[in-house]
Amino acid sequence: MKSRLERIQQTGRKWLSNLSRPQPEASPAPIDVESYNQDLSKVKANTEPVSEKEAVPLTLRVAADWSWRLLVITVAFAGFLYVVAKFQVIVVPVAVALLLSVLLEPVLRILYVKLHFPRTLAAAVTLIIGLGIVTAMISISSTQLASELPNLIAHTKEGVDEGIHWLATGPLKMDTETATRLWEQAQDQIQSYARKNASWLASNALGTMSAVTGAFTGALAALFCLFFFLKDGRKIWQWFLRLLPRSARNPLNEAAIRGWVTLGAYTRTQCLVAAIDAVGIGGGAYLIGVPLAIPLAILVFLAAFVPILGAILSGMMAVAIALVDKGFTTAIVMLIIILVVQQVESNLLQPALMSNAVSLHPVAVLLAVAGGGAAMGIVGAVFAVPILAFVNTTVLYLRGYDSFIRLSYQKDRPGGPPGSLDRELAEAARPSEQNLAEARQAKAEAEKGGDQRTPREHAEQAEKVQKEIQNTLSEFASADPNQMLPGDAKTDFEVGATTKIEKVAQAEQAAHEEERGVSWQGDNSETAGSNE
């Protein structure tokens, strides 16, 4: 035990002595030159400037590319809207004529295809039918309006008296004299405003007359365009297609046919929905005794073409007439009728009928109406949804989604049978009989008369061609080798020049022989004269 303890103490003393003894400095490890060079190159690579593409993250570059492209598209679209608004007097009649031509196309097809009317006669009869329907609607509504308007004005005064009585006896408990005084003050303010702003009102009246005149002119332009759209609509579209590259004609034609079918389905479906609304609201107004039921029905029919806003405005008008003429209770009943009809339309008719016609989300319809109204007023609100439906269908087809696959096989579709575009374009480009007759006559005269140039003119033309060829060949010879045309182009030119030179030589020889013949005949005539 003791010896073991001594050994431990001895080991400890050696360990302590080694710690207190100074240690020799370790020699540095040899440097690996290759690894050092690699590390140095990495450091230099990290400190060298990077390119702009590497410095900007990929996500930021993609966002920037999208941003400037969207900005360009937005500016172009804003410019397009500005041009359309500037030339609204032209654009609106054309757009109205297009919608009416889509609406009247089934009538035209019946007259032209089934009854075998000439195209011009079918278009004229279709236009007359449309004008007859519109004239009948205006005549009936104006007749009822003229007969019932005086009663409505008289009932307006009675309605005001009832309103004053309600203010006095109703929940407000207002004094009758106070309510009457408020009504008289309102009348006085209206009259004073009219007197103070008589000139402004007169100018607005002139502006209204100008607007009415412009509307009448636009209606005439729309009728004019409608007739020719019905008569020559396909020819107008073919003329437009001939302006495009050949590879783009068939895809764009097929896309436009599908857009046209969508536009027709939307227009006819909207007419059906508007007619149901008009019958429901007009019939309800007639049953409860509200005056002007037929004009109200026509107003509801026309307002239905403005989605969302049209129903609200026409409903307010119907409730106001019921309130003025029949009182508060009748107005409440009229409001209930309008709400029931609108709910049936929104929840039953629109999903059932419009789902097959237009595949547009209600949010898209709302935004389109709001945007169209902000850009072009009531006109933009009316045409926003049809334009959006047309663009949606055409773009989807061009992107590979066909909303109307049946049109690829349907022979009696609008725009002609599938695969007939090239034949139709070739037939449309065929010269007229008068043009061909004039061409044949001109050709016969040219062949009969021959070349009327004199031998001297032949020689001058040949000399001119030969000089041009020689000048071009000299330019080839003196040109810089680095800027010369390719060898095959030069060779082709030399071959063509040789051919031209041969033809020029033949022309010169023919002209020379012709001159010799003329001079020989002249010499012989002189010799004959001297001999005589």
Protein backbone atom coordinates (compact mmCIF):
# COMPACT_ATOMS: atom_id res chain seq x y z
CA MET A 1 0.00 0.00 0.00
CA LYS A 2 2.80 2.36 0.90
CA SER A 3 4.80 1.54 -2.22
CA ARG A 4 1.77 2.22 -4.34
CA LEU A 5 1.30 5.62 -2.73
CA GLU A 6 4.92 6.46 -3.34
CA ARG A 7 4.61 5.58 -6.99
CA ILE A 8 1.60 7.88 -7.35
CA GLN A 9 3.47 10.74 -5.66
CA GLN A 10 6.50 10.21 -7.85
CA THR A 11 4.34 10.27 -10.97
CA GLY A 12 2.72 13.52 -9.79
CA ARG A 13 6.09 15.17 -9.19
CA LYS A 14 7.24 14.25 -12.73
CA TRP A 15 4.05 15.68 -14.18
CA LEU A 16 4.49 18.95 -12.30
CA SER A 17 8.13 19.19 -13.34
CA ASN A 18 7.13 18.74 -16.99
CA LEU A 19 4.59 21.52 -16.68
CA SER A 20 7.10 23.95 -15.23
CA ARG A 21 9.74 23.13 -17.87
CA PRO A 22 9.56 25.43 -20.97
CA GLN A 23 8.25 23.62 -24.03
CA PRO A 24 10.09 23.93 -27.37
CA GLU A 25 8.20 25.87 -30.08
CA ALA A 26 6.49 23.65 -32.63
CA SER A 27 7.73 23.99 -36.17
CA PRO A 28 5.09 25.39 -38.60
CA ALA A 29 3.26 22.86 -40.75
CA PRO A 30 4.15 22.88 -44.43
CA ILE A 31 1.81 24.99 -46.59
CA ASP A 32 -0.36 23.20 -49.17
CA VAL A 33 0.09 25.45 -52.19
CA GLU A 34 -2.82 24.00 -54.17
CA SER A 35 -5.37 24.40 -51.38
CA TYR A 36 -4.06 27.90 -50.73
CA ASN A 37 -4.56 28.87 -54.37
CA GLN A 38 -8.06 27.42 -54.34
CA ASP A 39 -9.00 29.38 -51.23
CA LEU A 40 -7.52 32.53 -52.75
CA SER A 41 -9.53 32.07 -55.96
CA LYS A 42 -12.69 31.66 -53.91
CA VAL A 43 -12.00 34.89 -52.09
CA LYS A 44 -11.35 36.71 -55.35
CA ALA A 45 -14.55 35.27 -56.86
CA ASN A 46 -16.55 36.53 -53.90
CA THR A 47 -15.05 40.00 -54.17
CA GLU A 48 -15.42 40.38 -57.97
CA PRO A 49 -18.45 42.44 -59.19
CA VAL A 50 -21.49 40.38 -60.28
CA SER A 51 -23.75 41.05 -63.25
CA GLU A 52 -27.07 42.84 -62.94
CA LYS A 53 -28.95 39.64 -63.68
CA GLU A 54 -27.21 37.84 -60.79
CA ALA A 55 -27.56 40.79 -58.42
CA VAL A 56 -31.38 41.06 -58.78
CA PRO A 57 -33.42 38.13 -57.41
CA LEU A 58 -35.42 36.08 -59.89
CA THR A 59 -38.77 36.87 -58.26
CA LEU A 60 -38.10 40.60 -58.44
CA ARG A 61 -37.10 40.36 -62.12
CA VAL A 62 -40.28 38.40 -62.96
CA ALA A 63 -42.41 40.93 -61.06
CA ALA A 64 -40.74 43.80 -62.93
CA ASP A 65 -41.34 42.12 -66.31
CA TRP A 66 -44.99 41.57 -65.48
CA SER A 67 -45.33 45.15 -64.22
CA TRP A 68 -44.13 46.92 -67.34
CA ARG A 69 -46.11 44.61 -69.61
CA LEU A 70 -49.29 45.20 -67.62
CA LEU A 71 -48.55 48.92 -67.69
CA VAL A 72 -48.26 48.88 -71.48
CA ILE A 73 -51.50 46.90 -71.81
CA THR A 74 -53.29 49.30 -69.45
CA VAL A 75 -52.09 52.35 -71.37
CA ALA A 76 -53.11 50.77 -74.69
CA PHE A 77 -56.55 49.87 -73.34
CA ALA A 78 -57.01 53.38 -71.94
CA GLY A 79 -56.07 54.81 -75.33
CA PHE A 80 -58.57 52.51 -77.01
CA LEU A 81 -61.34 53.65 -74.65
CA TYR A 82 -60.40 57.28 -75.29
CA VAL A 83 -60.66 56.79 -79.05
CA VAL A 84 -63.99 54.98 -78.68
CA ALA A 85 -65.38 57.76 -76.47
CA LYS A 86 -64.08 60.39 -78.88
CA PHE A 87 -65.83 58.75 -81.83
CA GLN A 88 -68.87 57.66 -79.88
CA VAL A 89 -71.19 59.09 -82.50
CA ILE A 90 -69.86 56.44 -84.91
CA VAL A 91 -69.16 53.56 -82.55
CA VAL A 92 -72.55 53.48 -80.82
CA PRO A 93 -74.70 53.16 -84.00
CA VAL A 94 -72.42 50.41 -85.31
CA ALA A 95 -72.59 48.54 -81.98
CA VAL A 96 -76.39 48.87 -81.86
CA ALA A 97 -76.61 47.62 -85.45
CA LEU A 98 -74.46 44.60 -84.59
CA LEU A 99 -76.65 43.65 -81.63
CA LEU A 100 -79.82 44.09 -83.67
CA SER A 101 -78.38 42.05 -86.54
CA VAL A 102 -77.61 39.24 -84.09
CA LEU A 103 -81.16 39.48 -82.75
CA LEU A 104 -82.78 39.47 -86.21
CA GLU A 105 -80.53 36.81 -87.73
CA PRO A 106 -83.02 33.93 -87.18
CA VAL A 107 -85.68 35.84 -89.13
CA LEU A 108 -83.20 36.50 -91.93
CA ARG A 109 -82.22 32.83 -92.10
CA ILE A 110 -85.86 31.77 -92.36
CA LEU A 111 -86.49 34.17 -95.23
CA TYR A 112 -83.22 33.50 -97.06
CA VAL A 113 -82.63 29.78 -96.48
CA LYS A 114 -86.09 28.27 -96.07
CA LEU A 115 -88.26 30.63 -98.12
CA HIS A 116 -85.52 31.28 -100.72
CA PHE A 117 -85.86 35.05 -100.71
CA PRO A 118 -83.08 36.98 -102.46
CA ARG A 119 -80.52 38.21 -99.96
CA THR A 120 -81.35 41.89 -100.45
CA LEU A 121 -85.10 41.29 -100.20
CA ALA A 122 -84.67 39.11 -97.11
CA ALA A 123 -82.61 41.82 -95.40
CA ALA A 124 -85.19 44.49 -96.29
CA VAL A 125 -88.14 42.42 -95.03
CA THR A 126 -86.28 41.60 -91.81
CA LEU A 127 -85.55 45.27 -91.24
CA ILE A 128 -89.20 46.18 -91.88
CA ILE A 129 -90.35 43.54 -89.37
CA GLY A 130 -88.02 44.93 -86.72
CA LEU A 131 -89.13 48.49 -87.39
CA GLY A 132 -92.76 47.40 -87.22
CA ILE A 133 -92.30 45.86 -83.77
CA VAL A 134 -90.54 48.96 -82.43
CA THR A 135 -93.12 51.29 -83.97
CA ALA A 136 -95.98 49.30 -82.44
CA MET A 137 -94.40 49.47 -78.99
CA ILE A 138 -93.83 53.23 -79.25
CA SER A 139 -97.34 53.84 -80.58
CA ILE A 140 -99.08 51.86 -77.84
CA SER A 141 -97.01 53.39 -75.04
CA SER A 142 -97.34 56.95 -76.35
CA THR A 143 -101.11 56.57 -76.73
CA GLN A 144 -101.56 55.38 -73.17
CA LEU A 145 -99.13 58.00 -71.90
CA ALA A 146 -101.04 60.80 -73.62
CA SER A 147 -104.39 59.58 -72.28
CA GLU A 148 -103.36 58.99 -68.67
CA LEU A 149 -100.76 61.70 -68.10
CA PRO A 150 -103.32 64.43 -67.17
CA ASN A 151 -104.87 62.13 -64.57
CA LEU A 152 -101.42 61.35 -63.22
CA ILE A 153 -100.65 65.06 -62.84
CA ALA A 154 -103.94 65.60 -61.01
CA HIS A 155 -103.27 62.64 -58.77
CA THR A 156 -99.84 64.05 -58.02
CA LYS A 157 -101.50 67.05 -56.33
CA GLU A 158 -103.77 64.70 -54.41
CA GLY A 159 -100.77 62.61 -53.42
CA VAL A 160 -99.04 65.70 -52.05
CA ASP A 161 -102.11 66.55 -49.99
CA GLU A 162 -102.22 62.99 -48.67
CA GLY A 163 -98.54 63.23 -47.80
CA ILE A 164 -99.15 66.44 -45.86
CA HIS A 165 -102.06 64.79 -44.07
CA TRP A 166 -99.86 61.78 -43.21
CA LEU A 167 -97.20 64.09 -41.75
CA ALA A 168 -99.84 65.64 -39.53
CA THR A 169 -101.60 62.43 -38.43
CA GLY A 170 -98.76 59.95 -38.72
CA PRO A 171 -95.95 59.12 -36.31
CA LEU A 172 -94.30 62.52 -36.81
CA LYS A 173 -97.39 64.46 -35.58
CA MET A 174 -96.35 67.51 -37.58
CA ASP A 175 -98.64 70.54 -37.66
CA THR A 176 -100.68 70.78 -40.87
CA GLU A 177 -99.81 74.44 -41.33
CA THR A 178 -96.11 73.65 -40.93
CA ALA A 179 -96.22 70.87 -43.53
CA THR A 180 -98.17 73.11 -45.94
CA ARG A 181 -95.72 75.93 -45.41
CA LEU A 182 -92.78 73.59 -46.11
CA TRP A 183 -94.42 72.47 -49.35
CA GLU A 184 -95.08 76.06 -50.44
CA GLN A 185 -91.49 77.01 -49.60
CA ALA A 186 -90.22 74.13 -51.73
CA GLN A 187 -92.38 75.32 -54.64
CA ASP A 188 -91.12 78.90 -54.22
CA GLN A 189 -87.50 77.71 -54.18
CA ILE A 190 -88.02 75.75 -57.37
CA GLN A 191 -89.60 78.74 -59.10
CA SER A 192 -86.87 81.14 -57.93
CA TYR A 193 -84.19 78.72 -59.06
CA ALA A 194 -85.84 78.53 -62.48
CA ARG A 195 -85.98 82.34 -62.76
CA LYS A 196 -82.36 82.82 -61.68
CA ASN A 197 -81.03 80.14 -63.98
CA ALA A 198 -83.29 80.78 -66.95
CA SER A 199 -80.38 81.26 -69.34
CA TRP A 200 -78.66 78.11 -68.10
CA LEU A 201 -81.90 76.16 -68.43
CA ALA A 202 -82.39 77.56 -71.94
CA SER A 203 -78.90 76.51 -72.96
CA ASN A 204 -79.53 73.09 -71.48
CA ALA A 205 -82.76 72.94 -73.44
CA LEU A 206 -80.81 73.69 -76.60
CA GLY A 207 -78.32 71.03 -75.57
CA THR A 208 -81.19 68.63 -75.08
CA MET A 209 -82.50 69.43 -78.55
CA SER A 210 -79.03 68.87 -79.94
CA ALA A 211 -78.84 65.55 -78.10
CA VAL A 212 -82.23 64.55 -79.51
CA THR A 213 -81.06 65.48 -83.01
CA GLY A 214 -77.86 63.48 -82.50
CA ALA A 215 -79.88 60.51 -81.26
CA PHE A 216 -82.11 60.71 -84.34
CA THR A 217 -79.06 60.85 -86.62
CA GLY A 218 -77.50 57.93 -84.77
CA ALA A 219 -80.72 55.94 -85.16
CA LEU A 220 -80.68 56.51 -88.91
CA ALA A 221 -77.01 55.48 -89.07
CA ALA A 222 -77.80 52.36 -87.04
CA LEU A 223 -80.62 51.41 -89.42
CA PHE A 224 -78.36 51.97 -92.41
CA CYS A 225 -75.62 49.79 -90.91
CA LEU A 226 -78.17 47.19 -89.83
CA PHE A 227 -79.45 46.73 -93.38
CA PHE A 228 -75.98 46.16 -94.79
CA PHE A 229 -74.96 43.93 -91.89
CA LEU A 230 -77.96 41.76 -92.68
CA LYS A 231 -77.29 41.86 -96.41
CA ASP A 232 -73.46 41.75 -96.65
CA GLY A 233 -72.28 40.92 -93.15
CA ARG A 234 -70.36 37.84 -94.27
CA LYS A 235 -68.70 39.70 -97.14
CA ILE A 236 -67.58 42.48 -94.78
CA TRP A 237 -66.02 39.88 -92.48
CA GLN A 238 -64.29 38.16 -95.40
CA TRP A 239 -62.81 41.49 -96.50
CA PHE A 240 -61.37 41.91 -93.01
CA LEU A 241 -59.95 38.38 -93.02
CA ARG A 242 -58.19 38.96 -96.35
CA LEU A 243 -56.16 41.70 -94.65
CA LEU A 244 -54.68 39.17 -92.22
CA PRO A 245 -51.86 36.65 -92.81
CA ARG A 246 -53.05 33.37 -94.28
CA SER A 247 -52.05 31.39 -91.18
CA ALA A 248 -54.24 33.55 -88.90
CA ARG A 249 -57.42 33.50 -90.98
CA ASN A 250 -58.93 30.14 -90.03
CA PRO A 251 -58.25 30.32 -86.25
CA LEU A 252 -59.60 33.86 -86.03
CA ASN A 253 -62.62 32.98 -88.16
CA GLU A 254 -63.50 30.00 -85.96
CA ALA A 255 -63.02 32.07 -82.80
CA ALA A 256 -65.19 34.87 -84.18
CA ILE A 257 -67.95 32.40 -85.13
CA ARG A 258 -68.06 31.15 -81.54
CA GLY A 259 -68.06 34.70 -80.23
CA TRP A 260 -70.91 35.56 -82.61
CA VAL A 261 -72.92 32.56 -81.39
CA THR A 262 -72.28 33.63 -77.79
CA LEU A 263 -73.38 37.17 -78.58
CA GLY A 264 -76.56 35.94 -80.25
CA ALA A 265 -77.38 33.60 -77.37
CA TYR A 266 -76.83 36.39 -74.85
CA THR A 267 -78.96 38.90 -76.77
CA ARG A 268 -81.89 36.55 -77.35
CA THR A 269 -81.78 35.24 -73.78
CA GLN A 270 -81.65 38.76 -72.40
CA CYS A 271 -84.65 39.68 -74.56
CA LEU A 272 -86.56 36.69 -73.17
CA VAL A 273 -85.71 37.58 -69.57
CA ALA A 274 -86.59 41.24 -70.18
CA ALA A 275 -89.93 40.24 -71.72
CA ILE A 276 -90.76 38.07 -68.69
CA ASP A 277 -89.88 40.93 -66.34
CA ALA A 278 -91.97 43.36 -68.37
CA VAL A 279 -95.00 41.06 -68.40
CA GLY A 280 -94.69 40.35 -64.68
CA ILE A 281 -94.26 43.94 -63.51
CA GLY A 282 -96.58 45.48 -66.12
CA GLY A 283 -99.26 42.86 -65.47
CA GLY A 284 -98.98 43.39 -61.72
CA ALA A 285 -99.30 47.15 -62.15
CA TYR A 286 -102.38 46.65 -64.32
CA LEU A 287 -104.02 44.29 -61.80
CA ILE A 288 -103.63 46.67 -58.85
CA GLY A 289 -104.79 49.65 -60.90
CA VAL A 290 -101.53 51.54 -61.35
CA PRO A 291 -101.74 53.84 -64.40
CA LEU A 292 -99.33 53.71 -67.34
CA ALA A 293 -98.96 49.93 -67.07
CA ILE A 294 -97.90 49.47 -70.72
CA PRO A 295 -95.29 52.28 -70.69
CA LEU A 296 -93.98 50.86 -67.42
CA ALA A 297 -93.71 47.40 -69.02
CA ILE A 298 -91.79 48.84 -71.99
CA LEU A 299 -89.53 50.77 -69.60
CA VAL A 300 -88.83 47.58 -67.63
CA PHE A 301 -88.09 45.72 -70.89
CA LEU A 302 -85.56 48.32 -72.05
CA ALA A 303 -84.00 48.75 -68.60
CA ALA A 304 -83.40 44.99 -68.32
CA PHE A 305 -80.57 45.34 -70.87
CA VAL A 306 -78.61 47.26 -68.23
CA PRO A 307 -77.76 44.53 -65.70
CA ILE A 308 -78.36 45.30 -62.01
CA LEU A 309 -78.88 49.06 -62.44
CA GLY A 310 -81.77 48.81 -64.92
CA ALA A 311 -83.96 46.75 -62.60
CA ILE A 312 -83.41 49.17 -59.71
CA LEU A 313 -84.23 52.29 -61.74
CA SER A 314 -87.33 50.87 -63.44
CA GLY A 315 -88.59 49.51 -60.11
CA MET A 316 -88.19 52.90 -58.46
CA MET A 317 -90.17 54.51 -61.28
CA ALA A 318 -93.02 52.00 -60.91
CA VAL A 319 -93.20 52.45 -57.14
CA ALA A 320 -93.15 56.25 -57.50
CA ILE A 321 -96.08 56.20 -59.96
CA ALA A 322 -98.04 53.87 -57.66
CA LEU A 323 -97.31 56.10 -54.68
CA VAL A 324 -98.39 59.27 -56.46
CA ASP A 325 -101.54 57.85 -58.03
CA LYS A 326 -102.84 55.27 -55.54
CA GLY A 327 -101.18 56.01 -52.25
CA PHE A 328 -98.82 54.36 -49.81
CA THR A 329 -100.52 50.97 -49.58
CA THR A 330 -100.59 50.45 -53.34
CA ALA A 331 -96.95 51.51 -53.54
CA ILE A 332 -96.03 48.82 -51.00
CA VAL A 333 -97.93 46.21 -53.02
CA MET A 334 -96.16 47.37 -56.19
CA LEU A 335 -92.80 47.08 -54.42
CA ILE A 336 -93.63 43.51 -53.33
CA ILE A 337 -94.57 42.57 -56.92
CA ILE A 338 -91.29 44.01 -58.23
CA LEU A 339 -89.24 42.17 -55.59
CA VAL A 340 -90.98 38.86 -56.35
CA VAL A 341 -90.40 39.23 -60.11
CA GLN A 342 -86.77 40.22 -59.60
CA GLN A 343 -86.13 37.29 -57.26
CA VAL A 344 -87.66 34.84 -59.74
CA GLU A 345 -85.50 36.32 -62.49
CA SER A 346 -82.28 36.30 -60.45
CA ASN A 347 -82.65 32.85 -58.87
CA LEU A 348 -84.52 30.88 -61.55
CA LEU A 349 -84.46 32.50 -64.99
CA GLN A 350 -80.92 33.85 -65.08
CA PRO A 351 -79.19 30.60 -63.92
CA ALA A 352 -81.38 28.41 -66.13
CA LEU A 353 -81.21 30.50 -69.31
CA MET A 354 -77.92 32.35 -69.08
CA SER A 355 -75.81 29.36 -68.03
CA ASN A 356 -75.98 27.96 -71.56
CA ALA A 357 -75.58 31.36 -73.22
CA VAL A 358 -72.79 33.10 -71.32
CA SER A 359 -70.28 31.62 -68.88
CA LEU A 360 -69.63 34.76 -66.84
CA HIS A 361 -69.42 34.99 -63.07
CA PRO A 362 -71.75 37.52 -61.40
CA VAL A 363 -68.70 39.36 -60.05
CA ALA A 364 -67.37 39.74 -63.60
CA VAL A 365 -70.77 41.05 -64.73
CA LEU A 366 -70.88 43.59 -61.89
CA LEU A 367 -67.35 44.82 -62.55
CA ALA A 368 -68.01 45.03 -66.29
CA VAL A 369 -71.16 47.11 -65.79
CA ALA A 370 -69.40 49.40 -63.31
CA GLY A 371 -66.37 49.84 -65.55
CA GLY A 372 -68.44 50.40 -68.68
CA GLY A 373 -70.63 52.93 -66.91
CA ALA A 374 -67.60 54.80 -65.57
CA ALA A 375 -65.96 54.89 -69.01
CA MET A 376 -68.92 55.69 -71.30
CA GLY A 377 -71.98 56.20 -69.13
CA ILE A 378 -75.21 54.37 -69.88
CA VAL A 379 -73.88 53.23 -73.26
CA GLY A 380 -70.91 51.54 -71.62
CA ALA A 381 -73.15 49.86 -69.05
CA VAL A 382 -75.38 48.46 -71.82
CA PHE A 383 -72.59 47.10 -74.01
CA ALA A 384 -70.14 45.99 -71.30
CA VAL A 385 -71.54 42.49 -70.73
CA PRO A 386 -72.02 41.58 -74.45
CA ILE A 387 -68.48 42.70 -75.25
CA LEU A 388 -67.10 40.78 -72.27
CA ALA A 389 -69.00 37.64 -73.32
CA PHE A 390 -67.70 37.89 -76.90
CA VAL A 391 -64.10 38.46 -75.81
CA ASN A 392 -64.27 35.65 -73.24
CA THR A 393 -65.42 33.06 -75.80
CA THR A 394 -62.98 34.09 -78.54
CA VAL A 395 -59.95 34.24 -76.25
CA LEU A 396 -60.79 30.87 -74.71
CA TYR A 397 -61.00 29.30 -78.18
CA LEU A 398 -57.68 30.80 -79.25
CA ARG A 399 -56.15 29.43 -76.03
CA GLY A 400 -57.39 25.91 -76.80
CA TYR A 401 -60.78 25.70 -75.04
CA ASP A 402 -63.81 25.33 -77.30
CA SER A 403 -67.10 26.33 -75.65
CA PHE A 404 -69.11 25.16 -78.69
CA ILE A 405 -67.61 21.89 -79.96
CA ARG A 406 -70.77 21.22 -81.99
CA LEU A 407 -69.84 24.12 -84.30
CA SER A 408 -66.91 22.06 -85.60
CA TYR A 409 -69.42 19.69 -87.24
CA GLN A 410 -72.55 21.80 -87.78
CA LYS A 411 -73.02 22.65 -91.46
CA ASP A 412 -75.76 25.27 -91.05
CA ARG A 413 -73.85 27.29 -88.47
CA PRO A 414 -73.32 31.07 -88.85
CA GLY A 415 -70.34 31.79 -91.05
CA GLY A 416 -70.70 28.81 -93.36
CA PRO A 417 -69.84 25.10 -93.03
CA PRO A 418 -66.57 24.06 -91.36
CA GLY A 419 -63.58 24.24 -93.69
CA SER A 420 -65.27 26.47 -96.26
CA LEU A 421 -63.36 29.68 -95.50
CA ASP A 422 -60.60 29.26 -98.10
CA ARG A 423 -63.11 28.51 -100.85
CA GLU A 424 -65.24 31.49 -99.83
CA LEU A 425 -62.24 33.82 -99.80
CA ALA A 426 -61.15 32.57 -103.22
CA GLU A 427 -64.65 33.07 -104.57
CA ALA A 428 -64.83 36.55 -103.03
CA ALA A 429 -61.49 37.47 -104.62
CA ARG A 430 -62.63 36.31 -108.07
CA PRO A 431 -62.73 39.23 -110.55
CA SER A 432 -66.10 40.39 -111.74
CA GLU A 433 -67.37 39.61 -115.23
CA GLN A 434 -66.94 43.23 -116.26
CA ASN A 435 -63.35 43.23 -115.05
CA LEU A 436 -62.61 40.02 -116.98
CA ALA A 437 -64.27 41.36 -120.13
CA GLU A 438 -62.21 44.55 -119.98
CA ALA A 439 -59.04 42.49 -119.45
CA ARG A 440 -59.79 40.28 -122.47
CA GLN A 441 -60.44 43.34 -124.61
CA ALA A 442 -57.20 44.99 -123.51
CA LYS A 443 -55.26 41.78 -124.20
CA ALA A 444 -56.75 41.45 -127.68
CA GLU A 445 -55.89 45.04 -128.52
CA ALA A 446 -52.32 44.55 -127.29
CA GLU A 447 -51.85 41.36 -129.34
CA LYS A 448 -53.38 42.95 -132.41
CA GLY A 449 -51.35 46.12 -132.28
CA GLY A 450 -48.04 44.49 -131.35
CA ASP A 451 -45.04 46.47 -130.17
CA GLN A 452 -45.27 49.93 -131.70
CA ARG A 453 -41.80 51.13 -130.78
CA THR A 454 -39.45 52.28 -133.55
CA PRO A 455 -36.10 50.53 -134.23
CA ARG A 456 -34.26 53.50 -132.74
CA GLU A 457 -36.27 53.17 -129.50
CA HIS A 458 -35.44 49.45 -129.43
CA ALA A 459 -31.74 50.27 -129.78
CA GLU A 460 -31.88 52.95 -127.05
CA GLN A 461 -33.63 50.58 -124.65
CA ALA A 462 -31.10 47.81 -125.37
CA GLU A 463 -28.18 50.20 -124.80
CA LYS A 464 -29.70 51.36 -121.51
CA VAL A 465 -30.12 47.81 -120.21
CA GLN A 466 -26.56 46.89 -121.23
CA LYS A 467 -25.13 49.93 -119.41
CA GLU A 468 -27.03 49.06 -116.22
CA ILE A 469 -25.68 45.51 -116.29
CA GLN A 470 -22.11 46.66 -116.92
CA ASN A 471 -22.32 49.20 -114.07
CA THR A 472 -23.55 46.55 -111.66
CA LEU A 473 -20.78 44.14 -112.69
CA SER A 474 -18.18 46.89 -112.21
CA GLU A 475 -19.56 47.50 -108.71
CA PHE A 476 -19.07 43.82 -107.96
CA ALA A 477 -15.49 44.01 -109.19
CA SER A 478 -14.57 47.17 -107.23
CA ALA A 479 -16.40 46.36 -104.01
CA ASP A 480 -14.67 45.67 -100.70
CA PRO A 481 -14.30 41.88 -100.26
CA ASN A 482 -15.66 42.20 -96.70
CA GLN A 483 -18.78 43.98 -97.89
CA MET A 484 -19.48 42.02 -101.08
CA LEU A 485 -22.64 40.08 -101.59
CA PRO A 486 -22.51 36.31 -101.04
CA GLY A 487 -20.98 34.34 -103.86
CA ASP A 488 -24.24 32.71 -104.85
CA ALA A 489 -25.96 36.11 -105.22
CA LYS A 490 -23.14 37.34 -107.44
CA THR A 491 -23.23 34.17 -109.51
CA ASP A 492 -27.01 34.43 -109.94
CA PHE A 493 -26.65 38.02 -111.05
CA GLU A 494 -23.92 37.16 -113.56
CA VAL A 495 -26.05 34.36 -115.02
CA GLY A 496 -29.05 36.67 -115.25
CA ALA A 497 -26.88 39.42 -116.73
CA THR A 498 -25.53 37.04 -119.37
CA THR A 499 -29.08 36.12 -120.34
CA LYS A 500 -30.06 39.77 -120.52
CA ILE A 501 -26.98 40.59 -122.63
CA GLU A 502 -27.92 37.81 -125.05
CA LYS A 503 -31.47 39.16 -125.30
CA VAL A 504 -30.12 42.69 -125.77
CA ALA A 505 -27.82 41.47 -128.54
CA GLN A 506 -30.73 39.75 -130.24
CA ALA A 507 -32.83 42.91 -129.92
CA GLU A 508 -29.97 45.00 -131.33
CA GLN A 509 -29.52 42.59 -134.22
CA ALA A 510 -33.24 42.63 -134.97
CA ALA A 511 -33.33 46.40 -134.80
CA HIS A 512 -30.23 46.63 -137.01
CA GLU A 513 -31.70 44.25 -139.57
CA GLU A 514 -34.94 46.23 -139.51
CA GLU A 515 -33.02 49.46 -140.10
CA ARG A 516 -31.07 47.79 -142.94
CA GLY A 517 -34.33 46.61 -144.45
CA VAL A 518 -35.82 50.09 -144.28
CA SER A 519 -32.68 51.69 -145.73
CA TRP A 520 -32.46 48.98 -148.43
CA GLN A 521 -36.03 49.69 -149.43
CA GLY A 522 -35.24 53.39 -149.52
CA ASP A 523 -32.10 52.83 -151.61
CA ASN A 524 -34.01 50.62 -154.05
CA SER A 525 -36.74 53.22 -154.41
CA GLU A 526 -34.13 55.91 -155.13
CA THR A 527 -32.38 53.62 -157.66
CA ALA A 528 -35.66 52.87 -159.35
CA GLY A 529 -36.43 56.56 -159.58
CA SER A 530 -33.03 57.35 -161.14
CA ASN A 531 -33.40 54.54 -163.64
CA GLU A 532 -36.73 55.90 -164.67
